[in-house]
Structures are given as structure tokens and as C-alpha cells.
PDB file of N, CA and C in Angstrom:
ATOM      1  N   MET A   1      57.241 144.532 -13.126  1.00  0.00           N
ATOM      2  CA  MET A   1      57.409 145.290 -11.960  1.00  0.00           C
ATOM      3  C   MET A   1      58.777 145.064 -11.548  1.00  0.00           C
ATOM      4  N   SER A   2      59.581 145.955 -11.262  1.00  0.00           N
ATOM      5  CA  SER A   2      61.057 145.856 -10.761  1.00  0.00           C
ATOM      6  C   SER A   2      61.072 145.275  -9.395  1.00  0.00           C
ATOM      7  N   ARG A   3      62.225 144.659  -9.095  1.00  0.00           N
ATOM      8  CA  ARG A   3      62.486 144.037  -7.749  1.00  0.00           C
ATOM      9  C   ARG A   3      62.383 145.147  -6.682  1.00  0.00           C
ATOM     10  N   ASN A   4      62.921 146.320  -6.947  1.00  0.00           N
ATOM     11  CA  ASN A   4      62.871 147.388  -5.941  1.00  0.00           C
ATOM     12  C   ASN A   4      61.516 148.018  -5.498  1.00  0.00           C
ATOM     13  N   ALA A   5      60.596 147.881  -6.668  1.00  0.00           N
ATOM     14  CA  ALA A   5      59.167 148.296  -6.565  1.00  0.00           C
ATOM     15  C   ALA A   5      58.555 147.205  -5.659  1.00  0.00           C
ATOM     16  N   LYS A   6      58.722 146.029  -5.813  1.00  0.00           N
ATOM     17  CA  LYS A   6      58.256 144.891  -5.051  1.00  0.00           C
ATOM     18  C   LYS A   6      58.506 145.063  -3.485  1.00  0.00           C
ATOM     19  N   ILE A   7      59.807 145.331  -3.309  1.00  0.00           N
ATOM     20  CA  ILE A   7      60.369 145.511  -2.013  1.00  0.00           C
ATOM     21  C   ILE A   7      59.720 146.682  -1.371  1.00  0.00           C
ATOM     22  N   ALA A   8      59.532 147.804  -2.101  1.00  0.00           N
ATOM     23  CA  ALA A   8      58.741 149.007  -1.534  1.00  0.00           C
ATOM     24  C   ALA A   8      57.407 148.676  -1.184  1.00  0.00           C
ATOM     25  N   TYR A   9      56.722 147.990  -1.991  1.00  0.00           N
ATOM     26  CA  TYR A   9      55.280 147.726  -1.631  1.00  0.00           C
ATOM     27  C   TYR A   9      55.140 146.858  -0.338  1.00  0.00           C
ATOM     28  N   VAL A  10      56.044 145.824  -0.273  1.00  0.00           N
ATOM     29  CA  VAL A  10      56.163 144.910   0.835  1.00  0.00           C
ATOM     30  C   VAL A  10      56.310 145.806   2.162  1.00  0.00           C
ATOM     31  N   SER A  11      57.341 146.646   2.031  1.00  0.00           N
ATOM     32  CA  SER A  11      57.804 147.390   3.197  1.00  0.00           C
ATOM     33  C   SER A  11      56.649 148.398   3.548  1.00  0.00           C
ATOM     34  N   LEU A  12      55.907 148.934   2.548  1.00  0.00           N
ATOM     35  CA  LEU A  12      54.851 149.885   2.939  1.00  0.00           C
ATOM     36  C   LEU A  12      53.699 149.255   3.624  1.00  0.00           C
ATOM     37  N   ILE A  13      53.431 148.096   3.101  1.00  0.00           N
ATOM     38  CA  ILE A  13      52.292 147.331   3.911  1.00  0.00           C
ATOM     39  C   ILE A  13      52.797 147.016   5.312  1.00  0.00           C
ATOM     40  N   GLY A  14      54.015 146.724   5.528  1.00  0.00           N
ATOM     41  CA  GLY A  14      54.424 146.507   6.910  1.00  0.00           C
ATOM     42  C   GLY A  14      54.371 147.702   7.716  1.00  0.00           C
ATOM     43  N   LEU A  15      54.804 148.868   6.999  1.00  0.00           N
ATOM     44  CA  LEU A  15      54.793 150.146   7.753  1.00  0.00           C
ATOM     45  C   LEU A  15      53.364 150.453   8.090  1.00  0.00           C
ATOM     46  N   ALA A  16      52.421 150.233   7.310  1.00  0.00           N
ATOM     47  CA  ALA A  16      50.978 150.503   7.507  1.00  0.00           C
ATOM     48  C   ALA A  16      50.570 149.839   8.720  1.00  0.00           C
ATOM     49  N   GLY A  17      51.021 148.581   8.892  1.00  0.00           N
ATOM     50  CA  GLY A  17      50.600 147.811  10.046  1.00  0.00           C
ATOM     51  C   GLY A  17      51.231 148.350  11.337  1.00  0.00           C
ATOM     52  N   LEU A  18      52.379 148.841  11.263  1.00  0.00           N
ATOM     53  CA  LEU A  18      53.018 149.555  12.456  1.00  0.00           C
ATOM     54  C   LEU A  18      52.199 150.762  12.779  1.00  0.00           C
ATOM     55  N   ILE A  19      51.895 151.517  11.890  1.00  0.00           N
ATOM     56  CA  ILE A  19      51.119 152.752  12.048  1.00  0.00           C
ATOM     57  C   ILE A  19      49.880 152.412  12.700  1.00  0.00           C
ATOM     58  N   VAL A  20      48.948 151.523  12.165  1.00  0.00           N
ATOM     59  CA  VAL A  20      47.799 151.189  12.609  1.00  0.00           C
ATOM     60  C   VAL A  20      47.960 150.620  14.166  1.00  0.00           C
ATOM     61  N   LEU A  21      49.033 149.835  14.339  1.00  0.00           N
ATOM     62  CA  LEU A  21      49.175 149.483  15.759  1.00  0.00           C
ATOM     63  C   LEU A  21      49.417 150.641  16.683  1.00  0.00           C
ATOM     64  N   LEU A  22      50.168 151.559  16.242  1.00  0.00           N
ATOM     65  CA  LEU A  22      50.565 152.798  17.183  1.00  0.00           C
ATOM     66  C   LEU A  22      49.337 153.618  17.300  1.00  0.00           C
ATOM     67  N   VAL A  23      48.460 153.871  16.280  1.00  0.00           N
ATOM     68  CA  VAL A  23      47.298 154.714  16.373  1.00  0.00           C
ATOM     69  C   VAL A  23      46.315 153.980  17.352  1.00  0.00           C
ATOM     70  N   GLY A  24      46.197 152.655  17.297  1.00  0.00           N
ATOM     71  CA  GLY A  24      45.316 151.909  18.230  1.00  0.00           C
ATOM     72  C   GLY A  24      45.840 151.896  19.720  1.00  0.00           C
ATOM     73  N   LEU A  25      47.150 152.044  19.830  1.00  0.00           N
ATOM     74  CA  LEU A  25      47.690 152.068  21.127  1.00  0.00           C
ATOM     75  C   LEU A  25      47.669 153.549  21.846  1.00  0.00           C
ATOM     76  N   PHE A  26      47.911 154.680  21.085  1.00  0.00           N
ATOM     77  CA  PHE A  26      48.027 155.935  21.606  1.00  0.00           C
ATOM     78  C   PHE A  26      46.772 156.842  21.493  1.00  0.00           C
ATOM     79  N   THR A  27      45.761 156.384  20.718  1.00  0.00           N
ATOM     80  CA  THR A  27      44.597 157.325  20.505  1.00  0.00           C
ATOM     81  C   THR A  27      43.336 156.438  20.856  1.00  0.00           C
ATOM     82  N   PRO A  28      42.291 157.106  21.298  1.00  0.00           N
ATOM     83  CA  PRO A  28      40.895 156.411  21.468  1.00  0.00           C
ATOM     84  C   PRO A  28      40.145 156.205  20.217  1.00  0.00           C
ATOM     85  N   ALA A  29      40.811 156.210  19.025  1.00  0.00           N
ATOM     86  CA  ALA A  29      39.966 156.072  17.847  1.00  0.00           C
ATOM     87  C   ALA A  29      39.441 154.623  17.765  1.00  0.00           C
ATOM     88  N   TYR A  30      40.187 153.761  18.032  1.00  0.00           N
ATOM     89  CA  TYR A  30      39.723 152.286  18.359  1.00  0.00           C
ATOM     90  C   TYR A  30      40.482 151.660  19.168  1.00  0.00           C
ATOM     91  N   GLY A  31      40.069 150.522  19.777  1.00  0.00           N
ATOM     92  CA  GLY A  31      40.885 149.822  20.899  1.00  0.00           C
ATOM     93  C   GLY A  31      42.224 149.335  20.453  1.00  0.00           C
ATOM     94  N   PHE A  32      42.953 149.020  21.429  1.00  0.00           N
ATOM     95  CA  PHE A  32      44.317 148.444  21.141  1.00  0.00           C
ATOM     96  C   PHE A  32      44.216 147.017  20.380  1.00  0.00           C
ATOM     97  N   PHE A  33      43.178 146.212  20.911  1.00  0.00           N
ATOM     98  CA  PHE A  33      43.127 144.832  20.232  1.00  0.00           C
ATOM     99  C   PHE A  33      42.738 144.927  18.810  1.00  0.00           C
ATOM    100  N   THR A  34      41.908 145.959  18.484  1.00  0.00           N
ATOM    101  CA  THR A  34      41.487 145.990  17.114  1.00  0.00           C
ATOM    102  C   THR A  34      42.556 146.378  16.149  1.00  0.00           C
ATOM    103  N   GLY A  35      43.568 147.382  16.800  1.00  0.00           N
ATOM    104  CA  GLY A  35      44.634 147.840  16.080  1.00  0.00           C
ATOM    105  C   GLY A  35      45.702 146.650  15.951  1.00  0.00           C
ATOM    106  N   LEU A  36      45.772 145.929  16.991  1.00  0.00           N
ATOM    107  CA  LEU A  36      46.681 144.671  17.004  1.00  0.00           C
ATOM    108  C   LEU A  36      46.131 143.731  15.881  1.00  0.00           C
ATOM    109  N   ILE A  37      44.943 143.424  15.834  1.00  0.00           N
ATOM    110  CA  ILE A  37      44.595 142.357  14.721  1.00  0.00           C
ATOM    111  C   ILE A  37      44.710 143.003  13.450  1.00  0.00           C
ATOM    112  N   ILE A  38      44.342 144.316  13.235  1.00  0.00           N
ATOM    113  CA  ILE A  38      44.655 144.798  11.834  1.00  0.00           C
ATOM    114  C   ILE A  38      46.065 144.868  11.549  1.00  0.00           C
ATOM    115  N   ALA A  39      46.973 145.137  12.557  1.00  0.00           N
ATOM    116  CA  ALA A  39      48.443 145.218  12.277  1.00  0.00           C
ATOM    117  C   ALA A  39      49.047 143.785  12.038  1.00  0.00           C
ATOM    118  N   ILE A  40      48.464 142.685  12.789  1.00  0.00           N
ATOM    119  CA  ILE A  40      48.934 141.417  12.440  1.00  0.00           C
ATOM    120  C   ILE A  40      48.455 140.938  11.054  1.00  0.00           C
ATOM    121  N   ALA A  41      47.205 141.329  10.636  1.00  0.00           N
ATOM    122  CA  ALA A  41      46.817 141.071   9.303  1.00  0.00           C
ATOM    123  C   ALA A  41      47.722 141.735   8.277  1.00  0.00           C
ATOM    124  N   CYS A  42      48.053 142.870   8.473  1.00  0.00           N
ATOM    125  CA  CYS A  42      49.021 143.653   7.507  1.00  0.00           C
ATOM    126  C   CYS A  42      50.463 143.004   7.475  1.00  0.00           C
ATOM    127  N   TRP A  43      50.850 142.498   8.582  1.00  0.00           N
ATOM    128  CA  TRP A  43      52.130 141.979   8.630  1.00  0.00           C
ATOM    129  C   TRP A  43      52.120 140.581   7.973  1.00  0.00           C
ATOM    130  N   VAL A  44      51.047 139.785   8.168  1.00  0.00           N
ATOM    131  CA  VAL A  44      50.842 138.467   7.560  1.00  0.00           C
ATOM    132  C   VAL A  44      50.754 138.646   6.065  1.00  0.00           C
ATOM    133  N   GLY A  45      50.053 139.623   5.723  1.00  0.00           N
ATOM    134  CA  GLY A  45      49.738 139.936   4.232  1.00  0.00           C
ATOM    135  C   GLY A  45      50.965 140.283   3.570  1.00  0.00           C
ATOM    136  N   SER A  46      51.939 141.137   4.208  1.00  0.00           N
ATOM    137  CA  SER A  46      53.035 141.547   3.683  1.00  0.00           C
ATOM    138  C   SER A  46      54.062 140.298   3.587  1.00  0.00           C
ATOM    139  N   GLY A  47      53.974 139.484   4.455  1.00  0.00           N
ATOM    140  CA  GLY A  47      54.916 138.225   4.406  1.00  0.00           C
ATOM    141  C   GLY A  47      54.561 137.269   3.193  1.00  0.00           C
ATOM    142  N   ILE A  48      53.066 137.205   3.234  1.00  0.00           N
ATOM    143  CA  ILE A  48      52.633 136.280   2.115  1.00  0.00           C
ATOM    144  C   ILE A  48      52.974 136.916   0.734  1.00  0.00           C
ATOM    145  N   LEU A  49      52.705 138.292   0.570  1.00  0.00           N
ATOM    146  CA  LEU A  49      53.106 138.922  -0.752  1.00  0.00           C
ATOM    147  C   LEU A  49      54.545 138.951  -0.992  1.00  0.00           C
ATOM    148  N   GLY A  50      55.415 139.006   0.009  1.00  0.00           N
ATOM    149  CA  GLY A  50      56.860 138.946  -0.069  1.00  0.00           C
ATOM    150  C   GLY A  50      57.293 137.566  -0.542  1.00  0.00           C
ATOM    151  N   ARG A  51      56.725 136.519   0.006  1.00  0.00           N
ATOM    152  CA  ARG A  51      57.085 135.210  -0.493  1.00  0.00           C
ATOM    153  C   ARG A  51      56.549 134.820  -1.820  1.00  0.00           C
ATOM    154  N   TYR A  52      55.467 135.365  -2.172  1.00  0.00           N
ATOM    155  CA  TYR A  52      54.786 135.162  -3.607  1.00  0.00           C
ATOM    156  C   TYR A  52      55.732 135.878  -4.534  1.00  0.00           C
ATOM    157  N   TRP A  53      56.267 137.051  -4.243  1.00  0.00           N
ATOM    158  CA  TRP A  53      57.071 137.816  -5.035  1.00  0.00           C
ATOM    159  C   TRP A  53      58.507 137.406  -4.985  1.00  0.00           C
ATOM    160  N   GLU A  54      58.901 136.495  -4.134  1.00  0.00           N
ATOM    161  CA  GLU A  54      60.191 135.968  -3.965  1.00  0.00           C
ATOM    162  C   GLU A  54      61.180 137.020  -3.335  1.00  0.00           C
ATOM    163  N   ILE A  55      60.651 137.948  -2.331  1.00  0.00           N
ATOM    164  CA  ILE A  55      61.312 138.829  -1.780  1.00  0.00           C
ATOM    165  C   ILE A  55      61.747 138.452  -0.450  1.00  0.00           C
ATOM    166  N   LYS A  56      63.057 138.586  -0.081  1.00  0.00           N
ATOM    167  CA  LYS A  56      63.577 138.243   1.320  1.00  0.00           C
ATOM    168  C   LYS A  56      63.393 139.398   2.122  1.00  0.00           C
ATOM    169  N   LYS A  57      62.873 139.250   3.249  1.00  0.00           N
ATOM    170  CA  LYS A  57      62.698 140.395   4.240  1.00  0.00           C
ATOM    171  C   LYS A  57      63.916 140.559   5.302  1.00  0.00           C
TER     172      LYS A  57
END
């Protein structure tokens, strides 16, 4: 897998965390704290994956 593809995957996981956080904040689909926990998990996961793939954020 190319370096640009790895950067794209890590960025998309981080973006997914932001979207989950905003959905939890602005809609009654699920609570804010649930969205916050899922978003933090996405951000930590993208950080771990980025470090494993040696991608600087």
C-alpha cells in the first residue's frame, strides 16, 4: 500500500470520529457522551494506526 493511501485511511478514520462527535452533539440519535466516547476511540485508533504505519499526523 502506498504512503498516500495510508495517510488517506488514517485521515478518514479521524474524520469519522469528528462526524460521530457532531452527530452526537446536534441530533438526538444518541447522547453526547456516547458520541464523545466513540469519537475518542476513533481518534486513538487512527493515532495507533498512523504510528504503526509510520505516518506523521
